[in-house]
Amino acid sequence: MLVVERFSNVKVLCVGDVMVDCFVDGAVQRISPESPVPVFSAGARKIYPGGAANVARNIAALGASCSLVGVVGADEQGRHLAAELRRLPNVRP
């Protein structure tokens, strides 16, 4: 039996900095004439739980049960992050 197969019996308390990771897809079409800097055209944005929230997500993905303790701001990104965490199976924010 693999160790990962026994994770369904494991309960983990994850305490740490909870944050949002934002990734922006896009393309560089040219270099700025003012300085040697690429001009980036932003495309799609992807937002994921980061920091301790990402650790909790990974623990749950392995099948363990995870309780997450952290602080989330009362702004739009904080509400989005809290909603994302509530949707994850095996994670209790």
Protein backbone atom coordinates (compact mmCIF):
# COMPACT_ATOMS: atom_id res chain seq x y z
CA MET A 1 0.00 0.00 0.00
CA LEU A 2 1.33 3.43 -0.96
CA VAL A 3 1.62 6.12 1.70
CA VAL A 4 -0.68 8.43 -0.33
CA GLU A 5 -3.44 5.83 -0.16
CA ARG A 6 -3.50 6.22 3.64
CA PHE A 7 -3.97 10.02 3.48
CA SER A 8 -7.77 9.69 3.67
CA ASN A 9 -7.32 8.88 7.39
CA VAL A 10 -5.09 11.92 8.04
CA LYS A 11 -6.28 15.23 9.56
CA VAL A 12 -3.98 18.23 9.14
CA LEU A 13 -4.09 21.68 10.74
CA CYS A 14 -2.52 24.24 8.39
CA VAL A 15 -1.72 27.65 9.92
CA GLY A 16 -0.07 30.43 7.95
CA ASP A 17 -0.25 33.39 5.61
CA VAL A 18 -3.24 33.09 3.28
CA MET A 19 -2.93 35.00 0.02
CA VAL A 20 -4.05 35.18 -3.58
CA ASP A 21 -1.78 34.18 -6.47
CA CYS A 22 -2.73 35.97 -9.69
CA PHE A 23 -1.32 34.90 -13.06
CA VAL A 24 -1.81 37.02 -16.17
CA ASP A 25 -1.49 35.53 -19.65
CA GLY A 26 -0.53 37.81 -22.49
CA ALA A 27 1.92 38.59 -25.22
CA VAL A 28 4.83 40.89 -25.92
CA GLN A 29 4.51 42.44 -29.35
CA ARG A 30 7.27 45.03 -29.21
CA ILE A 31 9.96 46.71 -27.14
CA SER A 32 9.25 50.19 -25.74
CA PRO A 33 10.99 52.96 -27.72
CA GLU A 34 11.67 54.91 -24.47
CA SER A 35 13.65 52.13 -22.77
CA PRO A 36 14.55 48.50 -23.43
CA VAL A 37 11.38 47.16 -21.77
CA PRO A 38 8.90 44.74 -23.34
CA VAL A 39 5.39 46.13 -23.84
CA PHE A 40 3.02 43.51 -22.42
CA SER A 41 -0.58 43.12 -23.61
CA ALA A 42 -2.53 41.49 -20.78
CA GLY A 43 -4.93 38.70 -21.57
CA ALA A 44 -6.72 36.25 -19.30
CA ARG A 45 -6.24 36.40 -15.51
CA LYS A 46 -6.17 33.30 -13.34
CA ILE A 47 -6.54 33.60 -9.58
CA TYR A 48 -5.57 30.76 -7.24
CA PRO A 49 -5.27 30.33 -3.47
CA GLY A 50 -1.67 31.04 -2.46
CA GLY A 51 0.60 30.64 0.54
CA ALA A 52 -0.92 28.48 3.28
CA ALA A 53 -4.15 28.28 1.26
CA ASN A 54 -2.22 26.55 -1.53
CA VAL A 55 -0.69 24.16 0.99
CA ALA A 56 -4.19 23.32 2.30
CA ARG A 57 -5.40 22.78 -1.27
CA ASN A 58 -2.50 20.40 -1.95
CA ILE A 59 -3.13 18.48 1.27
CA ALA A 60 -6.79 18.05 0.31
CA ALA A 61 -5.80 16.98 -3.23
CA LEU A 62 -3.83 14.12 -1.67
CA GLY A 63 -7.01 12.98 0.10
CA ALA A 64 -6.34 14.21 3.64
CA SER A 65 -8.73 16.38 5.63
CA CYS A 66 -7.36 19.88 6.26
CA SER A 67 -8.38 22.70 8.60
CA LEU A 68 -6.95 26.03 7.47
CA VAL A 69 -6.28 28.90 9.89
CA GLY A 70 -5.37 32.30 8.47
CA VAL A 71 -6.63 35.84 7.99
CA VAL A 72 -8.44 37.00 4.87
CA GLY A 73 -9.09 40.66 4.07
CA ALA A 74 -12.58 42.15 3.71
CA ASP A 75 -11.93 43.21 0.11
CA GLU A 76 -12.96 41.69 -3.23
CA GLN A 77 -9.95 39.38 -3.44
CA GLY A 78 -10.46 38.23 0.15
CA ARG A 79 -14.10 37.35 -0.56
CA HIS A 80 -13.08 35.53 -3.75
CA LEU A 81 -10.41 33.57 -1.86
CA ALA A 82 -12.82 32.62 0.95
CA ALA A 83 -15.39 31.44 -1.61
CA GLU A 84 -12.76 29.37 -3.46
CA LEU A 85 -11.65 27.72 -0.23
CA ARG A 86 -15.24 26.86 0.74
CA ARG A 87 -15.62 24.99 -2.58
CA LEU A 88 -12.63 22.73 -1.96
CA PRO A 89 -13.47 19.24 -0.72
CA ASN A 90 -11.70 18.20 2.51
CA VAL A 91 -10.75 21.81 3.40
CA ARG A 92 -12.36 23.68 6.28
CA PRO A 93 -11.43 27.37 6.16
